[in-house]
Amino acid sequence: MIQDIFPHQFDNSYRNIEPDEKSYLVFVHEQTVLLKNREQEITLPQFERVHNCGLETNYLFSISGHRFFLVDGRSREDDSSVLRTLLEDGYQFHNVSILREHSPKWMYFAIVTAYQLGNWYHNNRYCGKCGGFLEKSPYERILFCKDCNHIIYPKIQPVVIVGVTHHDRILLTKYVGAQHSKRYALIAGFAEIGETIEETVQREVMEEVGVRVKNIRYYKSQPWALSDTLLFGFFCELDGSEEITMDKNELSVAEWVRRDDILSEQDDISLTSEMIDRFKKERK
């Protein structure tokens, strides 16, 4: 999955430090990040190229000693010397959602994680309680308001991914607008206020396809930066009628598919693909 970058090690401990010459710089603009993409191999600019330009940076995390720093990239069309230099070097703003099959994998994980934090900083400049300006803490990854002491942490929303099985079949779906896609999805949805994650599984399955489930079993979790979510994967079994009542506002396809009829999943990035592939390879 996207976070499986071994032997590289991800360290998200916050540090109040400045970049060194080899540190990577992350410019975020809307859904894009400034990077170099050559034959599906991606890299970020390093500080040594622009170290004399007076950039304001914010430490994000490190991967196996490689440090990553955020730079305000709101002015993509800005003709500043920094951006001009990097654009002349072949760096461009790329949509992060279309880079998932690029390499190296650890660099893509760094890019999407930095993108998530960059958007969090960008979207939380003012206090939602009193309207004051939010400041960065030198001690931990928070934003705080000096006027009313309100504190903001990075947004992480819990989501379930559910593989509903019935003997040698699994319930596969496609979202509205994706009916022509070759890829299937699993039932998925956000946890709501006041419910456990297991209750979320039961509710989402009932809402999307109208069936009951039992024997809910946790599989794995996955951070998914593109939607600020933490995904919880579960397998469960059909409990009762297998008749599907599909929510047409959410789904375009919902059907029982036999294990041997599932096409091999080529995506090694997502939890959904891994769960479908795991079911396909199982033999009971």
Protein backbone atom coordinates (compact mmCIF):
# COMPACT_ATOMS: atom_id res chain seq x y z
CA MET A 1 0.00 0.00 0.00
CA ILE A 2 0.99 3.64 -0.29
CA GLN A 3 2.58 3.71 3.17
CA ASP A 4 4.56 0.51 2.65
CA ILE A 5 7.93 2.06 1.82
CA PHE A 6 10.32 -0.37 3.55
CA PRO A 7 13.31 -0.24 3.89
CA HIS A 8 12.66 3.51 4.12
CA GLN A 9 11.42 4.76 7.50
CA PHE A 10 8.84 7.54 7.91
CA ASP A 11 9.32 9.84 10.93
CA ASN A 12 6.57 12.42 11.54
CA SER A 13 8.02 13.76 14.80
CA TYR A 14 7.77 17.54 14.75
CA ARG A 15 11.01 19.52 14.89
CA ASN A 16 11.57 23.26 14.87
CA ILE A 17 14.52 23.20 12.47
CA GLU A 18 15.76 24.84 9.30
CA PRO A 19 16.49 23.01 6.01
CA ASP A 20 19.97 21.88 5.09
CA GLU A 21 21.35 21.73 1.55
CA LYS A 22 19.83 18.31 0.78
CA SER A 23 16.39 18.98 2.27
CA TYR A 24 13.42 18.63 -0.07
CA LEU A 25 11.10 21.59 -0.65
CA VAL A 26 7.35 21.21 -1.16
CA PHE A 27 5.39 23.90 -3.00
CA VAL A 28 1.63 23.22 -2.83
CA HIS A 29 -0.88 25.02 -5.03
CA GLU A 30 -4.50 23.81 -4.87
CA GLN A 31 -4.38 20.16 -6.05
CA THR A 32 -0.81 20.38 -7.37
CA VAL A 33 2.75 20.06 -6.10
CA LEU A 34 5.91 21.36 -7.77
CA LEU A 35 8.03 18.40 -8.87
CA LYS A 36 10.06 16.93 -11.70
CA ASN A 37 8.54 13.98 -13.56
CA ARG A 38 10.76 12.11 -15.99
CA GLU A 39 9.51 8.82 -17.41
CA GLN A 40 7.28 8.32 -14.35
CA GLU A 41 10.14 8.92 -11.91
CA ILE A 42 9.40 11.83 -9.62
CA THR A 43 11.50 14.06 -7.39
CA LEU A 44 11.16 17.31 -5.47
CA PRO A 45 13.47 20.34 -5.58
CA GLN A 46 16.20 20.51 -2.96
CA PHE A 47 17.16 23.47 -0.83
CA GLU A 48 20.70 23.71 -2.22
CA ARG A 49 19.29 25.05 -5.50
CA VAL A 50 17.57 28.06 -3.91
CA HIS A 51 19.22 28.43 -0.49
CA ASN A 52 20.09 32.10 -0.98
CA CYS A 53 16.54 33.21 -1.82
CA GLY A 54 15.20 33.85 1.69
CA LEU A 55 12.47 31.22 1.63
CA GLU A 56 10.17 30.80 4.61
CA THR A 57 9.86 27.09 5.30
CA ASN A 58 8.08 24.83 7.76
CA TYR A 59 9.44 21.41 8.72
CA LEU A 60 7.05 18.55 7.88
CA PHE A 61 8.70 15.14 8.43
CA SER A 62 11.62 12.97 7.37
CA ILE A 63 12.01 9.67 5.51
CA SER A 64 15.22 7.76 6.25
CA GLY A 65 17.02 11.00 7.05
CA HIS A 66 15.64 12.95 4.06
CA ARG A 67 13.94 16.06 5.43
CA PHE A 68 10.89 17.67 3.86
CA PHE A 69 9.89 21.32 4.27
CA LEU A 70 6.77 23.17 3.17
CA VAL A 71 7.05 26.39 1.15
CA ASP A 72 4.01 28.56 0.48
CA GLY A 73 3.13 27.72 -3.14
CA ARG A 74 -0.06 29.72 -3.53
CA SER A 75 1.41 31.96 -6.22
CA ARG A 76 1.98 29.41 -8.95
CA GLU A 77 2.04 32.15 -11.59
CA ASP A 78 4.38 34.29 -9.51
CA ASP A 79 7.57 35.31 -11.36
CA SER A 80 9.66 35.18 -8.19
CA SER A 81 13.27 34.19 -8.58
CA VAL A 82 12.71 30.91 -6.72
CA LEU A 83 9.91 29.61 -8.90
CA ARG A 84 11.53 30.94 -12.04
CA THR A 85 14.74 29.09 -11.22
CA LEU A 86 12.94 25.83 -10.50
CA LEU A 87 10.70 26.07 -13.56
CA GLU A 88 13.79 26.64 -15.70
CA ASP A 89 15.28 23.50 -14.13
CA GLY A 90 12.33 21.45 -15.40
CA TYR A 91 10.10 21.41 -12.34
CA GLN A 92 6.37 21.80 -12.94
CA PHE A 93 3.17 21.75 -10.90
CA HIS A 94 1.53 18.32 -11.19
CA ASN A 95 -1.80 17.06 -9.87
CA VAL A 96 -0.91 14.65 -7.07
CA SER A 97 -3.88 12.35 -7.68
CA ILE A 98 -2.53 11.16 -11.05
CA LEU A 99 0.95 10.24 -9.78
CA ARG A 100 0.01 7.15 -7.76
CA GLU A 101 1.80 4.68 -10.04
CA HIS A 102 4.98 6.74 -10.30
CA SER A 103 8.25 5.85 -8.59
CA PRO A 104 10.06 5.80 -6.28
CA LYS A 105 7.19 4.82 -4.01
CA TRP A 106 8.66 6.46 -0.93
CA MET A 107 8.86 9.77 -2.76
CA TYR A 108 5.20 9.58 -3.82
CA PHE A 109 4.22 8.83 -0.22
CA ALA A 110 6.23 11.88 0.87
CA ILE A 111 4.59 14.08 -1.77
CA VAL A 112 0.99 13.17 -0.92
CA THR A 113 1.63 13.42 2.83
CA ALA A 114 3.26 16.82 2.38
CA TYR A 115 0.33 17.83 0.17
CA GLN A 116 -2.08 16.93 2.97
CA LEU A 117 -0.19 19.01 5.52
CA GLY A 118 0.23 21.87 3.06
CA ASN A 119 -3.51 22.08 2.54
CA TRP A 120 -4.10 21.94 6.29
CA TYR A 121 -1.83 24.93 6.86
CA HIS A 122 -3.37 26.79 3.91
CA ASN A 123 -6.98 26.16 4.98
CA ASN A 124 -6.45 27.13 8.61
CA ARG A 125 -5.08 30.65 8.69
CA TYR A 126 -7.73 32.19 10.91
CA CYS A 127 -9.37 31.05 14.11
CA GLY A 128 -12.84 29.59 13.59
CA LYS A 129 -13.78 30.64 17.13
CA CYS A 130 -12.84 34.34 17.22
CA GLY A 131 -11.41 35.15 13.78
CA GLY A 132 -7.90 35.83 15.05
CA PHE A 133 -4.77 34.90 13.14
CA LEU A 134 -3.52 31.36 13.79
CA GLU A 135 0.15 30.87 14.59
CA LYS A 136 2.42 27.82 14.36
CA SER A 137 3.76 26.28 17.53
CA PRO A 138 7.55 25.79 17.76
CA TYR A 139 7.01 22.67 19.88
CA GLU A 140 4.39 20.51 18.14
CA ARG A 141 2.33 20.32 14.96
CA ILE A 142 -0.56 22.56 15.96
CA LEU A 143 -1.97 25.96 15.05
CA PHE A 144 -3.08 28.15 17.93
CA CYS A 145 -4.83 31.47 18.46
CA LYS A 146 -3.19 33.90 20.89
CA ASP A 147 -6.45 35.79 21.30
CA CYS A 148 -8.68 32.96 22.57
CA ASN A 149 -6.24 30.02 23.03
CA HIS A 150 -8.10 27.89 20.47
CA ILE A 151 -5.95 25.01 19.13
CA ILE A 152 -6.22 23.27 15.75
CA TYR A 153 -4.72 19.86 14.99
CA PRO A 154 -4.30 18.31 11.52
CA LYS A 155 -7.60 16.96 10.18
CA ILE A 156 -7.82 13.15 10.07
CA GLN A 157 -11.23 11.65 9.31
CA PRO A 158 -12.01 7.95 10.02
CA VAL A 159 -13.39 5.96 7.06
CA VAL A 160 -14.31 2.28 6.74
CA ILE A 161 -13.58 0.09 3.71
CA VAL A 162 -15.77 -3.02 3.83
CA GLY A 163 -15.42 -6.34 2.04
CA VAL A 164 -18.78 -8.11 2.40
CA THR A 165 -18.41 -11.82 1.57
CA HIS A 166 -20.86 -14.67 1.01
CA HIS A 167 -19.17 -18.05 0.49
CA ASP A 168 -16.97 -17.62 -2.63
CA ARG A 169 -18.41 -14.23 -3.59
CA ILE A 170 -17.67 -10.66 -2.53
CA LEU A 171 -19.85 -7.57 -2.92
CA LEU A 172 -18.11 -5.18 -5.32
CA THR A 173 -19.22 -1.67 -6.25
CA LYS A 174 -18.55 1.25 -8.55
CA TYR A 175 -19.26 4.85 -7.66
CA VAL A 176 -21.63 7.11 -9.55
CA GLY A 177 -19.79 8.31 -12.65
CA ALA A 178 -17.36 5.38 -12.58
CA GLN A 179 -19.60 2.71 -14.09
CA HIS A 180 -17.29 2.35 -17.11
CA SER A 181 -14.15 1.98 -15.03
CA LYS A 182 -12.44 -1.41 -15.05
CA ARG A 183 -11.71 -1.09 -11.36
CA TYR A 184 -14.17 -2.13 -8.70
CA ALA A 185 -14.45 -0.58 -5.25
CA LEU A 186 -15.68 -1.83 -1.90
CA ILE A 187 -18.35 -0.29 0.28
CA ALA A 188 -16.89 2.74 2.05
CA GLY A 189 -18.00 5.62 4.21
CA PHE A 190 -17.18 8.07 6.98
CA ALA A 191 -17.71 7.35 10.66
CA GLU A 192 -20.43 9.53 12.18
CA ILE A 193 -20.66 11.21 15.57
CA GLY A 194 -21.42 8.84 18.45
CA GLU A 195 -20.84 5.51 16.71
CA THR A 196 -18.09 2.92 16.95
CA ILE A 197 -16.13 2.00 13.85
CA GLU A 198 -17.87 -1.40 13.82
CA GLU A 199 -21.25 0.33 13.85
CA THR A 200 -20.05 2.42 10.92
CA VAL A 201 -19.45 -0.82 9.00
CA GLN A 202 -23.00 -2.04 9.62
CA ARG A 203 -24.60 1.31 8.82
CA GLU A 204 -22.66 1.97 5.62
CA VAL A 205 -23.39 -1.51 4.25
CA MET A 206 -27.09 -1.11 4.97
CA GLU A 207 -27.23 2.40 3.51
CA GLU A 208 -25.35 1.61 0.29
CA VAL A 209 -26.55 -1.90 -0.58
CA GLY A 210 -29.35 -2.75 1.87
CA VAL A 211 -27.94 -5.95 3.40
CA ARG A 212 -27.04 -6.98 6.94
CA VAL A 213 -23.64 -8.30 7.98
CA LYS A 214 -22.09 -10.34 10.79
CA ASN A 215 -18.65 -11.52 11.96
CA ILE A 216 -17.00 -8.14 11.36
CA ARG A 217 -13.22 -8.62 11.30
CA TYR A 218 -10.59 -5.90 11.22
CA TYR A 219 -8.04 -6.26 8.39
CA LYS A 220 -5.67 -3.27 8.11
CA SER A 221 -5.59 0.51 8.18
CA GLN A 222 -4.17 3.06 5.75
CA PRO A 223 -3.55 6.82 5.79
CA TRP A 224 -5.08 8.40 2.67
CA ALA A 225 -3.75 11.92 2.30
CA LEU A 226 -5.82 12.90 -0.74
CA SER A 227 -8.99 13.04 1.38
CA ASP A 228 -7.54 13.69 4.86
CA THR A 229 -8.72 10.25 5.95
CA LEU A 230 -7.53 7.25 7.92
CA LEU A 231 -9.00 4.13 6.32
CA PHE A 232 -10.01 1.10 8.38
CA GLY A 233 -10.42 -2.10 6.36
CA PHE A 234 -12.88 -4.77 7.49
CA PHE A 235 -14.12 -8.08 6.14
CA CYS A 236 -17.55 -9.34 7.20
CA GLU A 237 -20.09 -11.95 6.17
CA LEU A 238 -23.59 -11.61 4.79
CA ASP A 239 -26.27 -12.04 7.47
CA GLY A 240 -29.56 -12.92 5.78
CA SER A 241 -30.87 -12.08 2.33
CA GLU A 242 -28.34 -11.46 -0.43
CA GLU A 243 -30.73 -9.20 -2.36
CA ILE A 244 -29.08 -5.84 -3.06
CA THR A 245 -30.92 -2.54 -2.73
CA MET A 246 -28.42 -0.08 -4.17
CA ASP A 247 -28.21 3.59 -3.19
CA LYS A 248 -28.22 5.14 -6.66
CA ASN A 249 -27.07 8.48 -5.30
CA GLU A 250 -23.78 6.88 -4.24
CA LEU A 251 -23.27 3.88 -6.51
CA SER A 252 -23.67 2.99 -10.17
CA VAL A 253 -22.86 -0.71 -9.71
CA ALA A 254 -23.24 -3.12 -6.78
CA GLU A 255 -23.03 -6.85 -7.43
CA TRP A 256 -21.87 -10.17 -6.05
CA VAL A 257 -18.74 -11.36 -7.88
CA ARG A 258 -17.26 -14.83 -7.62
CA ARG A 259 -13.66 -15.13 -6.51
CA ASP A 260 -12.51 -16.64 -9.82
CA ASP A 261 -14.21 -13.87 -11.82
CA ILE A 262 -12.33 -11.03 -10.15
CA LEU A 263 -9.75 -9.40 -12.39
CA SER A 264 -6.29 -9.15 -10.85
CA GLU A 265 -5.75 -5.78 -9.19
CA GLN A 266 -2.65 -4.03 -10.53
CA ASP A 267 -2.74 -1.19 -7.98
CA ASP A 268 -0.41 -1.81 -5.03
CA ILE A 269 -1.24 1.60 -3.57
CA SER A 270 -4.74 1.37 -2.08
CA LEU A 271 -6.23 -0.64 0.77
CA THR A 272 -9.27 -1.40 -1.40
CA SER A 273 -7.18 -3.07 -4.10
CA GLU A 274 -5.25 -5.11 -1.57
CA MET A 275 -8.44 -6.35 0.09
CA ILE A 276 -10.02 -7.37 -3.22
CA ASP A 277 -6.82 -9.12 -4.28
CA ARG A 278 -6.56 -10.90 -0.93
CA PHE A 279 -10.09 -12.28 -1.28
CA LYS A 280 -9.37 -13.41 -4.84
CA LYS A 281 -6.31 -15.39 -3.73
CA GLU A 282 -7.99 -17.03 -0.75
CA ARG A 283 -9.22 -20.60 -0.97
CA LYS A 284 -11.67 -21.96 1.56
